[in-house]
Amino acid sequence: MAHSFNEQAEALLDKEFKVLDHGFVRLVDYMGSDSAIVQAARVSYGEGTKKVSEDRSLLRYLMRQRHTSPFEMVEFKFHVKLPIFVARQWIRHRSASVNEYSGRYSIMKEEFYLPRPEDIRYQSTVNKQGRSEEEVPDEIKAKLLDYLVTSQKEAYSTYSDYVEQGLARELARINLPLSLYTEWYWKIDLHNLFHFLRLRMDPHAQKEFREYAVVMADIVKTVCPMSYEAFMDYSFNSVQFSAVELRAIKDRVADLSLDQEELVKRGLSSREAVEFLEKLKKIQDL
């Protein structure tokens, strides 16, 4: 099989997609496409021997059944500029290769993140690690923004003074705030990238992080459109029930009487209809 070439994906290379006030995401390189995934799944795959519709069905089956290794055949390399507080959440995704801008070797740029006034909210009483939808008075928003700007300028001015005096950059930088921007190159395979997107596009993720994830999702959608469609249908927009939850809905499910033909009319493929009926039976047999 020849090297994958995607005209739409090629048009994205090195294009800077703005995120937040000073950040961006760039697709530096990619390897593979939907065809690389089906090639890996079939092992021996002759170009032109399968229809696009068959490739789509296979990709959807792989995603639905969680056969993840074929998706690892596709890789993305991004150049990302982001606030340090986002980077410290991001780095928890340990399945990627990362190389970050170093404040030990280079001078940190005077670029800090400032939230938009409409994004300043109170702490949520439901989500312990997030913000609520409750509006904050304008005077409090203004006071917070003034505090952020003043403290950022003071921290950077002190940092610059010590650098100019010849103090080691690795020491001069240590009191710079989390709102400072950093940059890195980040390479990851598609399977793990889907896991990343599922968590970071979720409404419970920090809003600033979600903005990066949404931009990256659009890039993935361009490079691997059929895989992305399957991801949205069977992962991101799906739900999973625990055994306890299934027992709780068992009585309701027992009343359902659906046949394969009806399910196909509702948009499921024949194979999906069979799988769905098998799931219903499993619940009914609990």
Protein backbone atom coordinates (compact mmCIF):
# COMPACT_ATOMS: atom_id res chain seq x y z
CA MET A 1 0.00 0.00 0.00
CA ALA A 2 1.33 3.44 -0.95
CA HIS A 3 1.99 6.23 1.54
CA SER A 4 -1.30 7.76 2.65
CA PHE A 5 -2.06 11.12 1.06
CA ASN A 6 -5.05 13.15 2.13
CA GLU A 7 -5.46 16.39 0.19
CA GLN A 8 -7.63 17.95 2.91
CA ALA A 9 -5.15 16.92 5.62
CA GLU A 10 -2.20 18.25 3.62
CA ALA A 11 -3.93 21.64 3.52
CA LEU A 12 -3.91 21.71 7.33
CA LEU A 13 -0.17 21.16 7.74
CA ASP A 14 1.54 24.05 9.55
CA LYS A 15 -1.69 26.04 9.61
CA GLU A 16 -2.03 27.87 12.93
CA PHE A 17 -5.40 27.53 14.64
CA LYS A 18 -5.79 30.17 17.34
CA VAL A 19 -6.87 29.04 20.80
CA LEU A 20 -7.50 31.34 23.79
CA ASP A 21 -5.73 34.73 23.70
CA HIS A 22 -2.16 33.75 22.75
CA GLY A 23 -2.35 30.00 22.12
CA PHE A 24 -2.56 27.87 19.01
CA VAL A 25 -2.59 24.33 17.65
CA ARG A 26 -0.66 23.35 14.51
CA LEU A 27 -0.67 19.99 12.78
CA VAL A 28 3.03 19.47 12.09
CA ASP A 29 2.77 16.01 10.55
CA TYR A 30 0.54 12.96 10.32
CA MET A 31 1.05 9.33 9.37
CA GLY A 32 -1.78 7.23 7.99
CA SER A 33 -5.49 7.67 7.44
CA ASP A 34 -8.68 5.61 7.59
CA SER A 35 -7.20 3.30 4.95
CA ALA A 36 -4.16 2.56 7.14
CA ILE A 37 -6.47 1.37 9.91
CA VAL A 38 -8.45 -1.02 7.71
CA GLN A 39 -5.19 -2.22 6.16
CA ALA A 40 -3.87 -3.12 9.59
CA ALA A 41 -7.15 -4.79 10.55
CA ARG A 42 -7.18 -6.93 7.44
CA VAL A 43 -3.39 -7.47 7.52
CA SER A 44 -3.30 -8.20 3.79
CA TYR A 45 -5.14 -5.52 1.93
CA GLY A 46 -4.99 -4.85 -1.78
CA GLU A 47 -5.58 -1.31 -2.92
CA GLY A 48 -8.92 -1.08 -4.66
CA THR A 49 -10.16 -4.50 -3.58
CA LYS A 50 -12.57 -3.09 -1.00
CA LYS A 51 -15.31 -0.51 -1.35
CA VAL A 52 -15.37 2.64 0.78
CA SER A 53 -18.65 1.46 2.31
CA GLU A 54 -16.94 -1.75 3.44
CA ASP A 55 -14.07 0.24 4.97
CA ARG A 56 -16.58 2.36 6.87
CA SER A 57 -18.40 -0.72 8.17
CA LEU A 58 -15.14 -2.27 9.32
CA LEU A 59 -14.00 0.92 11.07
CA ARG A 60 -17.31 1.19 12.86
CA TYR A 61 -17.13 -2.47 13.89
CA LEU A 62 -13.61 -1.99 15.26
CA MET A 63 -14.66 1.04 17.27
CA ARG A 64 -17.85 -0.60 18.50
CA GLN A 65 -16.07 -3.76 19.63
CA ARG A 66 -13.11 -1.84 21.09
CA HIS A 67 -10.54 -3.45 18.81
CA THR A 68 -8.15 -0.58 19.40
CA SER A 69 -4.78 -1.66 18.01
CA PRO A 70 -5.55 -0.88 14.32
CA PHE A 71 -6.22 2.75 15.31
CA GLU A 72 -2.69 2.92 16.70
CA MET A 73 -1.40 2.73 13.11
CA VAL A 74 -2.27 6.41 12.60
CA GLU A 75 -0.20 9.11 14.31
CA PHE A 76 -0.44 12.88 14.69
CA LYS A 77 2.26 15.37 15.64
CA PHE A 78 1.09 18.74 16.93
CA HIS A 79 2.81 21.97 17.85
CA VAL A 80 0.82 23.53 20.69
CA LYS A 81 1.13 26.83 22.52
CA LEU A 82 -0.79 26.76 25.80
CA PRO A 83 -0.90 28.18 29.35
CA ILE A 84 1.13 26.19 31.85
CA PHE A 85 -1.95 25.33 33.94
CA VAL A 86 -3.47 23.62 30.87
CA ALA A 87 -0.16 21.91 30.10
CA ARG A 88 0.00 20.43 33.60
CA GLN A 89 -3.40 18.78 33.10
CA TRP A 90 -2.49 17.76 29.55
CA ILE A 91 0.71 15.99 30.55
CA ARG A 92 -1.36 13.48 32.53
CA HIS A 93 -2.01 11.80 29.17
CA ARG A 94 1.16 9.75 29.33
CA SER A 95 0.67 7.82 26.09
CA ALA A 96 2.22 10.59 23.96
CA SER A 97 5.73 11.77 23.18
CA VAL A 98 6.37 15.34 24.35
CA ASN A 99 9.15 17.88 23.99
CA GLU A 100 8.51 21.22 25.73
CA TYR A 101 10.04 24.68 25.49
CA SER A 102 12.67 24.92 28.22
CA GLY A 103 12.92 27.84 30.62
CA ARG A 104 16.34 26.54 31.64
CA TYR A 105 17.83 27.17 28.21
CA SER A 106 15.63 29.92 26.78
CA ILE A 107 14.06 33.15 27.92
CA MET A 108 10.37 32.75 28.68
CA LYS A 109 8.19 35.06 26.60
CA GLU A 110 6.04 37.70 28.27
CA GLU A 111 2.75 36.11 27.30
CA PHE A 112 0.13 35.32 29.91
CA TYR A 113 -3.40 33.98 29.74
CA LEU A 114 -6.25 36.22 30.81
CA PRO A 115 -9.74 34.72 30.98
CA ARG A 116 -12.56 36.41 29.13
CA PRO A 117 -14.90 38.23 31.54
CA GLU A 118 -17.78 35.93 30.56
CA ASP A 119 -15.66 32.90 31.55
CA ILE A 120 -15.14 34.09 35.12
CA ARG A 121 -17.58 32.10 37.27
CA TYR A 122 -18.00 30.92 40.84
CA GLN A 123 -16.88 27.49 42.06
CA SER A 124 -19.39 24.77 41.25
CA THR A 125 -21.11 23.11 44.19
CA VAL A 126 -21.68 19.98 42.08
CA ASN A 127 -18.38 19.60 40.23
CA LYS A 128 -15.68 19.97 42.88
CA GLN A 129 -12.98 20.69 40.30
CA GLY A 130 -14.88 23.09 38.05
CA ARG A 131 -16.81 26.31 37.77
CA SER A 132 -20.54 26.86 37.89
CA GLU A 133 -22.85 28.73 35.52
CA GLU A 134 -23.59 31.34 38.18
CA GLU A 135 -22.80 34.87 37.04
CA VAL A 136 -20.13 36.86 38.87
CA PRO A 137 -20.71 40.61 39.40
CA ASP A 138 -18.81 42.84 36.97
CA GLU A 139 -16.89 44.57 39.76
CA ILE A 140 -15.48 41.24 40.98
CA LYS A 141 -14.54 40.27 37.42
CA ALA A 142 -12.74 43.59 36.95
CA LYS A 143 -10.92 43.21 40.27
CA LEU A 144 -9.75 39.68 39.38
CA LEU A 145 -8.51 40.73 35.93
CA ASP A 146 -6.68 43.73 37.43
CA TYR A 147 -5.04 41.43 40.00
CA LEU A 148 -3.98 38.96 37.29
CA VAL A 149 -2.49 41.66 35.03
CA THR A 150 -0.67 43.40 37.88
CA SER A 151 0.81 40.22 39.37
CA GLN A 152 1.79 38.85 35.95
CA LYS A 153 3.66 42.05 35.05
CA GLU A 154 5.38 42.17 38.43
CA ALA A 155 6.45 38.52 38.24
CA TYR A 156 7.80 38.89 34.71
CA SER A 157 9.59 42.15 35.49
CA THR A 158 11.35 40.56 38.46
CA TYR A 159 12.21 37.50 36.35
CA SER A 160 13.70 39.72 33.61
CA ASP A 161 15.75 41.71 36.15
CA TYR A 162 17.36 38.58 37.56
CA VAL A 163 18.08 37.19 34.08
CA GLU A 164 19.76 40.48 33.11
CA GLN A 165 21.86 40.28 36.29
CA GLY A 166 23.14 36.92 35.12
CA LEU A 167 21.25 34.74 37.56
CA ALA A 168 20.71 31.18 36.28
CA ARG A 169 17.55 31.07 34.16
CA GLU A 170 16.50 27.83 35.88
CA LEU A 171 16.30 29.80 39.15
CA ALA A 172 14.95 33.09 37.83
CA ARG A 173 11.91 31.35 36.30
CA ILE A 174 10.64 29.45 39.33
CA ASN A 175 8.21 32.11 40.58
CA LEU A 176 6.55 32.71 37.22
CA PRO A 177 2.80 31.97 37.38
CA LEU A 178 0.80 29.13 35.85
CA SER A 179 -0.86 31.61 33.47
CA LEU A 180 2.42 31.93 31.54
CA TYR A 181 2.38 30.35 28.07
CA THR A 182 4.61 27.45 27.12
CA GLU A 183 4.97 25.46 23.90
CA TRP A 184 5.55 21.84 22.99
CA TYR A 185 5.56 19.26 20.25
CA TRP A 186 3.15 16.45 21.06
CA LYS A 187 2.96 13.17 19.12
CA ILE A 188 0.30 10.53 19.72
CA ASP A 189 -1.44 7.64 17.96
CA LEU A 190 -5.12 7.85 17.03
CA HIS A 191 -6.38 5.34 19.60
CA ASN A 192 -4.90 7.32 22.48
CA LEU A 193 -5.87 10.61 20.85
CA PHE A 194 -9.50 9.47 20.83
CA HIS A 195 -9.19 8.69 24.55
CA PHE A 196 -7.76 12.18 25.07
CA LEU A 197 -10.62 13.80 23.12
CA ARG A 198 -13.29 11.80 24.93
CA LEU A 199 -12.05 13.14 28.27
CA ARG A 200 -11.09 16.67 27.26
CA MET A 201 -14.12 17.56 25.11
CA ASP A 202 -16.39 16.45 27.94
CA PRO A 203 -18.38 19.32 29.53
CA HIS A 204 -16.73 18.49 32.88
CA ALA A 205 -13.26 19.28 31.52
CA GLN A 206 -11.83 22.75 32.16
CA LYS A 207 -13.18 25.18 29.58
CA GLU A 208 -9.75 26.40 28.47
CA PHE A 209 -8.64 22.81 27.87
CA ARG A 210 -11.84 21.99 25.98
CA GLU A 211 -11.08 24.76 23.50
CA TYR A 212 -7.83 23.02 22.54
CA ALA A 213 -9.53 19.62 22.33
CA VAL A 214 -12.28 20.91 20.01
CA VAL A 215 -9.70 22.36 17.60
CA MET A 216 -7.76 19.09 17.57
CA ALA A 217 -10.96 17.11 17.04
CA ASP A 218 -11.66 19.11 13.86
CA ILE A 219 -8.17 18.23 12.62
CA VAL A 220 -8.71 14.52 13.34
CA LYS A 221 -12.06 14.69 11.56
CA THR A 222 -10.29 15.95 8.44
CA VAL A 223 -7.49 13.37 8.47
CA CYS A 224 -9.63 10.34 9.43
CA PRO A 225 -13.28 11.25 8.77
CA MET A 226 -14.76 7.74 8.97
CA SER A 227 -12.87 6.86 12.14
CA TYR A 228 -13.91 10.15 13.71
CA GLU A 229 -17.54 9.48 12.84
CA ALA A 230 -17.30 6.05 14.50
CA PHE A 231 -15.63 7.61 17.56
CA MET A 232 -18.45 10.11 17.98
CA ASP A 233 -21.15 7.46 17.53
CA TYR A 234 -19.69 4.68 19.67
CA SER A 235 -17.51 6.47 22.20
CA PHE A 236 -18.02 10.18 22.77
CA ASN A 237 -21.81 10.22 22.38
CA SER A 238 -22.39 6.79 23.91
CA VAL A 239 -23.07 5.77 27.51
CA GLN A 240 -21.93 2.80 29.55
CA PHE A 241 -23.91 1.10 32.29
CA SER A 242 -22.47 -0.71 35.29
CA ALA A 243 -23.82 -4.10 36.41
CA VAL A 244 -25.67 -2.37 39.26
CA GLU A 245 -27.26 0.10 36.85
CA LEU A 246 -28.26 -2.67 34.44
CA ARG A 247 -30.05 -4.52 37.22
CA ALA A 248 -31.87 -1.28 38.03
CA ILE A 249 -33.26 -1.01 34.48
CA LYS A 250 -33.82 -4.74 33.95
CA ASP A 251 -37.59 -4.59 34.48
CA ARG A 252 -37.96 -1.79 31.96
CA VAL A 253 -35.88 -3.60 29.35
CA ALA A 254 -37.88 -6.80 29.84
CA ASP A 255 -40.92 -5.07 28.33
CA LEU A 256 -39.09 -4.14 25.12
CA SER A 257 -40.01 -6.16 22.06
CA LEU A 258 -37.89 -5.17 19.10
CA ASP A 259 -36.90 -7.20 16.07
CA GLN A 260 -33.95 -6.89 13.73
CA GLU A 261 -35.96 -5.49 10.84
CA GLU A 262 -37.38 -2.68 12.97
CA LEU A 263 -33.95 -1.77 14.30
CA VAL A 264 -32.54 -1.56 10.76
CA LYS A 265 -35.36 0.81 9.85
CA ARG A 266 -34.27 2.97 12.78
CA GLY A 267 -30.79 3.34 11.31
CA LEU A 268 -28.76 0.44 12.69
CA SER A 269 -26.85 -1.85 10.36
CA SER A 270 -27.86 -5.51 10.31
CA ARG A 271 -24.82 -6.42 12.40
CA GLU A 272 -25.51 -3.61 14.89
CA ALA A 273 -29.13 -4.77 15.18
CA VAL A 274 -28.01 -8.29 16.07
CA GLU A 275 -25.52 -6.93 18.62
CA PHE A 276 -28.17 -4.68 20.14
CA LEU A 277 -30.63 -7.55 20.55
CA GLU A 278 -27.89 -9.61 22.17
CA LYS A 279 -27.29 -6.79 24.66
CA LEU A 280 -30.99 -6.60 25.48
CA LYS A 281 -31.13 -10.34 26.09
CA LYS A 282 -28.11 -10.13 28.37
CA ILE A 283 -29.88 -7.49 30.47
CA GLN A 284 -33.12 -9.50 30.53
CA ASP A 285 -31.21 -12.58 31.70
CA LEU A 286 -29.57 -10.81 34.66
